[in-house]
Amino acid sequence: MSTEIKVLLVAGAILVAATLAVAIALLVRLVHARRTLRAAGLPVERQWVFWGAVAYLVLPADLLPDPVFLDDIGVLVLALRSMKSANSGIGGRGAQ
């Protein structure tokens, strides 16, 4: 195997590991946000966002092949933003 191919394989493996690490970090933040929102009284209609994002991350059917976790990261970021907006809505109602 030539040196160029080895370098490309190592670079590809590092890229896959980095995107997987970002996806896992976002999943941890999503779980933490869900726990916080659940303690604050998260509306039931927002819980599907959490479970949908986790299912998309775990299930093998993706928009992009699994070595590229960019679609998973995007789904997790959207779910996290949606849940954070629910949190600001809860805080806004409690302040009134």
Protein backbone atom coordinates (compact mmCIF):
# COMPACT_ATOMS: atom_id res chain seq x y z
CA MET A 1 0.00 0.00 0.00
CA SER A 2 1.43 3.36 -0.95
CA THR A 3 2.15 6.15 1.50
CA GLU A 4 -0.47 8.45 -0.07
CA ILE A 5 -3.22 5.88 0.43
CA LYS A 6 -2.19 5.34 4.04
CA VAL A 7 -2.26 9.09 4.68
CA LEU A 8 -5.71 9.38 3.09
CA LEU A 9 -7.03 6.46 5.17
CA VAL A 10 -5.66 7.95 8.38
CA ALA A 11 -7.07 11.39 7.53
CA GLY A 12 -10.43 9.82 6.73
CA ALA A 13 -10.44 7.87 9.98
CA ILE A 14 -9.62 11.04 11.93
CA LEU A 15 -12.45 12.91 10.17
CA VAL A 16 -14.93 10.13 10.93
CA ALA A 17 -13.81 10.00 14.57
CA ALA A 18 -14.11 13.78 14.91
CA THR A 19 -17.62 13.92 13.47
CA LEU A 20 -18.67 10.98 15.63
CA ALA A 21 -17.29 12.78 18.70
CA VAL A 22 -19.28 15.91 17.80
CA ALA A 23 -22.45 13.83 17.33
CA ILE A 24 -21.96 12.15 20.71
CA ALA A 25 -21.28 15.49 22.42
CA LEU A 26 -24.47 16.91 20.94
CA LEU A 27 -26.41 13.84 22.04
CA VAL A 28 -25.15 14.33 25.59
CA ARG A 29 -26.22 17.99 25.50
CA LEU A 30 -29.62 16.95 24.14
CA VAL A 31 -30.12 14.44 26.96
CA HIS A 32 -29.10 17.08 29.51
CA ALA A 33 -31.50 19.60 27.97
CA ARG A 34 -34.30 17.03 28.07
CA ARG A 35 -33.69 16.32 31.75
CA THR A 36 -33.70 20.03 32.53
CA LEU A 37 -36.87 20.65 30.54
CA ARG A 38 -38.60 17.61 32.01
CA ALA A 39 -37.89 18.93 35.51
CA ALA A 40 -39.30 22.30 34.43
CA GLY A 41 -42.48 20.72 33.01
CA LEU A 42 -41.72 20.16 29.32
CA PRO A 43 -44.93 20.09 27.28
CA VAL A 44 -45.68 16.61 25.91
CA GLU A 45 -45.79 17.85 22.30
CA ARG A 46 -42.07 18.76 22.50
CA GLN A 47 -40.93 15.31 23.69
CA TRP A 48 -41.20 13.85 20.20
CA VAL A 49 -38.31 16.12 19.15
CA PHE A 50 -35.97 14.41 21.60
CA TRP A 51 -37.00 10.87 20.71
CA GLY A 52 -36.98 11.64 16.99
CA ALA A 53 -33.42 12.99 17.15
CA VAL A 54 -32.17 10.02 19.17
CA ALA A 55 -33.87 7.57 16.79
CA TYR A 56 -32.36 9.30 13.77
CA LEU A 57 -28.91 9.07 15.33
CA VAL A 58 -29.26 5.38 16.22
CA LEU A 59 -31.19 3.99 13.24
CA PRO A 60 -29.20 2.90 10.19
CA ALA A 61 -31.41 4.78 7.68
CA ASP A 62 -29.78 8.20 7.09
CA LEU A 63 -29.80 10.91 4.48
CA LEU A 64 -26.01 10.54 4.21
CA PRO A 65 -23.98 7.37 4.68
CA ASP A 66 -22.97 6.70 8.29
CA PRO A 67 -19.24 7.44 7.99
CA VAL A 68 -20.36 11.07 7.48
CA PHE A 69 -22.26 12.16 10.60
CA LEU A 70 -23.10 15.66 9.35
CA ASP A 71 -26.80 14.88 8.91
CA ASP A 72 -26.94 13.36 12.41
CA ILE A 73 -25.24 16.44 13.83
CA GLY A 74 -27.73 18.67 12.02
CA VAL A 75 -30.70 16.77 13.41
CA LEU A 76 -29.27 16.91 16.93
CA VAL A 77 -28.61 20.65 16.66
CA LEU A 78 -32.15 21.30 15.43
CA ALA A 79 -33.59 19.20 18.25
CA LEU A 80 -31.44 21.00 20.81
CA ARG A 81 -32.53 24.40 19.52
CA SER A 82 -36.17 23.33 19.52
CA MET A 83 -35.93 22.10 23.09
CA LYS A 84 -34.11 25.26 24.19
CA SER A 85 -36.85 27.37 22.62
CA ALA A 86 -39.36 25.32 24.62
CA ASN A 87 -37.32 26.12 27.71
CA SER A 88 -37.49 29.86 27.03
CA GLY A 89 -41.23 29.49 26.50
CA ILE A 90 -41.59 27.76 29.87
CA GLY A 91 -39.51 30.45 31.58
CA GLY A 92 -41.57 33.17 29.91
CA ARG A 93 -44.83 31.68 31.17
CA GLY A 94 -43.50 31.26 34.69
CA ALA A 95 -42.45 34.92 34.85
CA GLN A 96 -45.92 36.22 33.99
